[in-house]
Amino acid sequence: SGGKLDINIFPQRQELNRGWSPEGKRFRIMERYVAKNLGSFFYHRVLYDDETWIPHSLEYGVLLQDAKWWVETFQNK
């Protein structure tokens, strides 16, 4: 999202995080939208299916300029 914090808060599939897969390309498009449109409201929610710290999926939502939500869920395992 254009932030400066360069640490891993939770494990994320490399091909998703770097935009190498079709799903990862959509994820990166959403991140770039938020970074380009400063002040955009967005959220990033991690979803777990076990007791590990690795989320099974990630939900990313962006409130677009036309006041419509763009929400995608990405598989992380």
N, C-alpha and C. Protein backbone atom coordinates (compact mmCIF):
# COMPACT_ATOMS: atom_id res chain seq x y z
N SER A 1 0.82 -1.20 0.00
CA SER A 1 0.00 0.00 0.00
C SER A 1 0.85 1.25 0.00
N GLY A 2 2.12 1.08 -0.25
CA GLY A 2 3.01 2.22 -0.33
C GLY A 2 3.64 2.61 0.99
N GLY A 3 3.42 1.77 2.01
CA GLY A 3 3.99 2.07 3.33
C GLY A 3 5.48 1.85 3.38
N LYS A 4 6.12 2.36 4.39
CA LYS A 4 7.57 2.27 4.52
C LYS A 4 8.02 1.15 5.45
N LEU A 5 7.09 0.48 6.13
CA LEU A 5 7.42 -0.59 7.05
C LEU A 5 7.84 -1.82 6.25
N ASP A 6 9.09 -2.24 6.37
CA ASP A 6 9.60 -3.33 5.55
C ASP A 6 9.86 -4.57 6.40
N ILE A 7 8.81 -5.05 7.06
CA ILE A 7 8.91 -6.28 7.84
C ILE A 7 7.73 -7.17 7.48
N ASN A 8 7.86 -8.44 7.75
CA ASN A 8 6.75 -9.37 7.53
C ASN A 8 5.97 -9.54 8.82
N ILE A 9 4.74 -9.06 8.83
CA ILE A 9 3.89 -9.19 10.00
C ILE A 9 3.25 -10.58 10.02
N PHE A 10 3.04 -11.16 8.85
CA PHE A 10 2.53 -12.53 8.72
C PHE A 10 3.07 -13.09 7.42
N PRO A 11 3.21 -14.41 7.32
CA PRO A 11 3.71 -15.02 6.08
C PRO A 11 2.69 -14.88 4.95
N GLN A 12 3.19 -14.48 3.80
CA GLN A 12 2.35 -14.33 2.62
C GLN A 12 3.03 -15.05 1.46
N ARG A 13 2.22 -15.79 0.68
CA ARG A 13 2.77 -16.49 -0.48
C ARG A 13 3.54 -15.52 -1.36
N GLN A 14 4.74 -15.92 -1.74
CA GLN A 14 5.61 -15.04 -2.52
C GLN A 14 4.98 -14.65 -3.85
N GLU A 15 4.36 -15.61 -4.55
CA GLU A 15 3.78 -15.29 -5.86
C GLU A 15 2.57 -14.36 -5.73
N LEU A 16 1.93 -14.35 -4.56
CA LEU A 16 0.84 -13.41 -4.31
C LEU A 16 1.41 -12.03 -3.99
N ASN A 17 2.32 -11.98 -3.06
CA ASN A 17 2.90 -10.72 -2.60
C ASN A 17 3.64 -9.98 -3.72
N ARG A 18 4.32 -10.71 -4.56
CA ARG A 18 5.13 -10.08 -5.61
C ARG A 18 4.41 -9.92 -6.94
N GLY A 19 3.18 -10.42 -7.00
CA GLY A 19 2.40 -10.25 -8.23
C GLY A 19 2.79 -11.20 -9.33
N TRP A 20 3.33 -12.36 -8.99
CA TRP A 20 3.79 -13.31 -10.01
C TRP A 20 2.68 -14.21 -10.54
N SER A 21 1.61 -14.40 -9.78
CA SER A 21 0.50 -15.26 -10.21
C SER A 21 -0.64 -14.37 -10.69
N PRO A 22 -1.64 -14.94 -11.39
CA PRO A 22 -2.80 -14.13 -11.78
C PRO A 22 -3.47 -13.48 -10.56
N GLU A 23 -3.59 -14.23 -9.48
CA GLU A 23 -4.15 -13.70 -8.25
C GLU A 23 -3.26 -12.59 -7.69
N GLY A 24 -1.96 -12.81 -7.74
CA GLY A 24 -1.00 -11.82 -7.26
C GLY A 24 -1.03 -10.53 -8.07
N LYS A 25 -1.28 -10.67 -9.37
CA LYS A 25 -1.39 -9.47 -10.21
C LYS A 25 -2.58 -8.61 -9.77
N ARG A 26 -3.72 -9.24 -9.47
CA ARG A 26 -4.88 -8.49 -8.97
C ARG A 26 -4.58 -7.84 -7.63
N PHE A 27 -3.89 -8.57 -6.76
CA PHE A 27 -3.51 -8.03 -5.45
C PHE A 27 -2.65 -6.78 -5.60
N ARG A 28 -1.66 -6.85 -6.48
CA ARG A 28 -0.75 -5.71 -6.69
C ARG A 28 -1.48 -4.53 -7.34
N ILE A 29 -2.43 -4.78 -8.22
CA ILE A 29 -3.23 -3.69 -8.82
C ILE A 29 -3.97 -2.95 -7.71
N MET A 30 -4.53 -3.70 -6.78
CA MET A 30 -5.26 -3.06 -5.67
C MET A 30 -4.30 -2.25 -4.81
N GLU A 31 -3.13 -2.81 -4.49
CA GLU A 31 -2.14 -2.06 -3.69
C GLU A 31 -1.70 -0.79 -4.40
N ARG A 32 -1.47 -0.88 -5.70
CA ARG A 32 -1.04 0.30 -6.46
C ARG A 32 -2.14 1.37 -6.50
N TYR A 33 -3.40 0.94 -6.58
CA TYR A 33 -4.51 1.89 -6.56
C TYR A 33 -4.48 2.71 -5.27
N VAL A 34 -4.32 2.03 -4.14
CA VAL A 34 -4.29 2.71 -2.84
C VAL A 34 -3.08 3.64 -2.76
N ALA A 35 -1.92 3.19 -3.21
CA ALA A 35 -0.72 4.02 -3.15
C ALA A 35 -0.84 5.25 -4.05
N LYS A 36 -1.49 5.09 -5.19
CA LYS A 36 -1.65 6.20 -6.14
C LYS A 36 -2.70 7.21 -5.68
N ASN A 37 -3.73 6.73 -5.00
CA ASN A 37 -4.84 7.57 -4.56
C ASN A 37 -4.73 7.82 -3.06
N LEU A 38 -3.81 8.70 -2.71
CA LEU A 38 -3.55 8.99 -1.30
C LEU A 38 -4.84 9.36 -0.58
N GLY A 39 -4.99 8.83 0.62
CA GLY A 39 -6.19 9.09 1.41
C GLY A 39 -7.29 8.08 1.16
N SER A 40 -7.05 7.12 0.25
CA SER A 40 -8.05 6.08 0.00
C SER A 40 -8.26 5.25 1.26
N PHE A 41 -9.52 4.90 1.52
CA PHE A 41 -9.80 4.01 2.63
C PHE A 41 -9.67 2.58 2.12
N PHE A 42 -8.93 1.77 2.86
CA PHE A 42 -8.77 0.36 2.50
C PHE A 42 -8.58 -0.45 3.77
N TYR A 43 -8.77 -1.73 3.65
CA TYR A 43 -8.48 -2.64 4.77
C TYR A 43 -7.85 -3.91 4.23
N HIS A 44 -7.15 -4.57 5.11
CA HIS A 44 -6.48 -5.82 4.79
C HIS A 44 -6.75 -6.75 5.96
N ARG A 45 -7.48 -7.83 5.73
CA ARG A 45 -7.87 -8.73 6.82
C ARG A 45 -7.29 -10.11 6.56
N VAL A 46 -6.64 -10.66 7.57
CA VAL A 46 -6.09 -12.01 7.46
C VAL A 46 -7.10 -12.99 8.05
N LEU A 47 -7.26 -14.14 7.39
CA LEU A 47 -8.22 -15.16 7.82
C LEU A 47 -7.47 -16.46 8.07
N TYR A 48 -7.73 -17.06 9.21
CA TYR A 48 -7.02 -18.27 9.63
C TYR A 48 -7.96 -19.46 9.65
N ASP A 49 -7.40 -20.66 9.39
CA ASP A 49 -8.19 -21.89 9.48
C ASP A 49 -7.55 -22.91 10.43
N ASP A 50 -6.48 -22.48 11.12
CA ASP A 50 -5.83 -23.36 12.10
C ASP A 50 -5.13 -22.50 13.14
N GLU A 51 -4.32 -23.12 13.99
CA GLU A 51 -3.66 -22.41 15.09
C GLU A 51 -2.29 -21.84 14.73
N THR A 52 -1.89 -21.95 13.47
CA THR A 52 -0.59 -21.41 13.07
C THR A 52 -0.71 -19.91 12.82
N TRP A 53 0.41 -19.26 12.59
CA TRP A 53 0.38 -17.83 12.29
C TRP A 53 0.33 -17.55 10.80
N ILE A 54 0.10 -18.61 10.00
CA ILE A 54 -0.01 -18.47 8.55
C ILE A 54 -1.48 -18.39 8.16
N PRO A 55 -1.94 -17.25 7.66
CA PRO A 55 -3.34 -17.14 7.26
C PRO A 55 -3.64 -17.99 6.03
N HIS A 56 -4.84 -18.56 6.00
CA HIS A 56 -5.22 -19.35 4.81
C HIS A 56 -5.65 -18.45 3.67
N SER A 57 -6.14 -17.25 3.99
CA SER A 57 -6.50 -16.32 2.93
C SER A 57 -6.42 -14.88 3.45
N LEU A 58 -6.40 -13.97 2.51
CA LEU A 58 -6.29 -12.55 2.82
C LEU A 58 -7.44 -11.84 2.10
N GLU A 59 -8.15 -11.03 2.85
CA GLU A 59 -9.21 -10.22 2.25
C GLU A 59 -8.70 -8.79 2.15
N TYR A 60 -8.83 -8.20 0.98
CA TYR A 60 -8.35 -6.84 0.75
C TYR A 60 -9.51 -6.05 0.18
N GLY A 61 -9.82 -4.94 0.81
CA GLY A 61 -10.93 -4.12 0.36
C GLY A 61 -10.52 -2.68 0.18
N VAL A 62 -11.02 -2.07 -0.88
CA VAL A 62 -10.70 -0.67 -1.20
C VAL A 62 -12.02 0.05 -1.48
N LEU A 63 -12.18 1.20 -0.85
CA LEU A 63 -13.32 2.05 -1.15
C LEU A 63 -12.93 2.95 -2.32
N LEU A 64 -13.57 2.73 -3.46
CA LEU A 64 -13.22 3.46 -4.68
C LEU A 64 -13.78 4.88 -4.65
N GLN A 65 -13.32 5.70 -5.57
CA GLN A 65 -13.74 7.11 -5.61
C GLN A 65 -15.22 7.28 -5.89
N ASP A 66 -15.86 6.28 -6.52
CA ASP A 66 -17.30 6.37 -6.78
C ASP A 66 -18.12 5.80 -5.62
N ALA A 67 -17.47 5.61 -4.45
CA ALA A 67 -18.10 5.13 -3.22
C ALA A 67 -18.55 3.67 -3.30
N LYS A 68 -17.98 2.91 -4.23
CA LYS A 68 -18.26 1.48 -4.32
C LYS A 68 -17.07 0.72 -3.75
N TRP A 69 -17.35 -0.42 -3.13
CA TRP A 69 -16.30 -1.27 -2.57
C TRP A 69 -15.75 -2.20 -3.64
N TRP A 70 -14.43 -2.37 -3.62
CA TRP A 70 -13.73 -3.38 -4.40
C TRP A 70 -13.10 -4.31 -3.38
N VAL A 71 -13.63 -5.52 -3.27
CA VAL A 71 -13.17 -6.48 -2.26
C VAL A 71 -12.78 -7.77 -2.96
N GLU A 72 -11.61 -8.27 -2.63
CA GLU A 72 -11.11 -9.54 -3.18
C GLU A 72 -10.59 -10.40 -2.03
N THR A 73 -10.72 -11.70 -2.17
CA THR A 73 -10.14 -12.64 -1.21
C THR A 73 -9.09 -13.45 -1.96
N PHE A 74 -7.89 -13.53 -1.38
CA PHE A 74 -6.76 -14.20 -2.01
C PHE A 74 -6.32 -15.39 -1.17
N GLN A 75 -6.12 -16.52 -1.79
CA GLN A 75 -5.65 -17.72 -1.09
C GLN A 75 -4.19 -17.53 -0.71
N ASN A 76 -3.85 -17.93 0.50
CA ASN A 76 -2.48 -17.73 0.98
C ASN A 76 -1.78 -19.05 1.31
N LYS A 77 -2.46 -20.16 1.22
CA LYS A 77 -1.81 -21.45 1.48
C LYS A 77 -1.85 -22.30 0.24
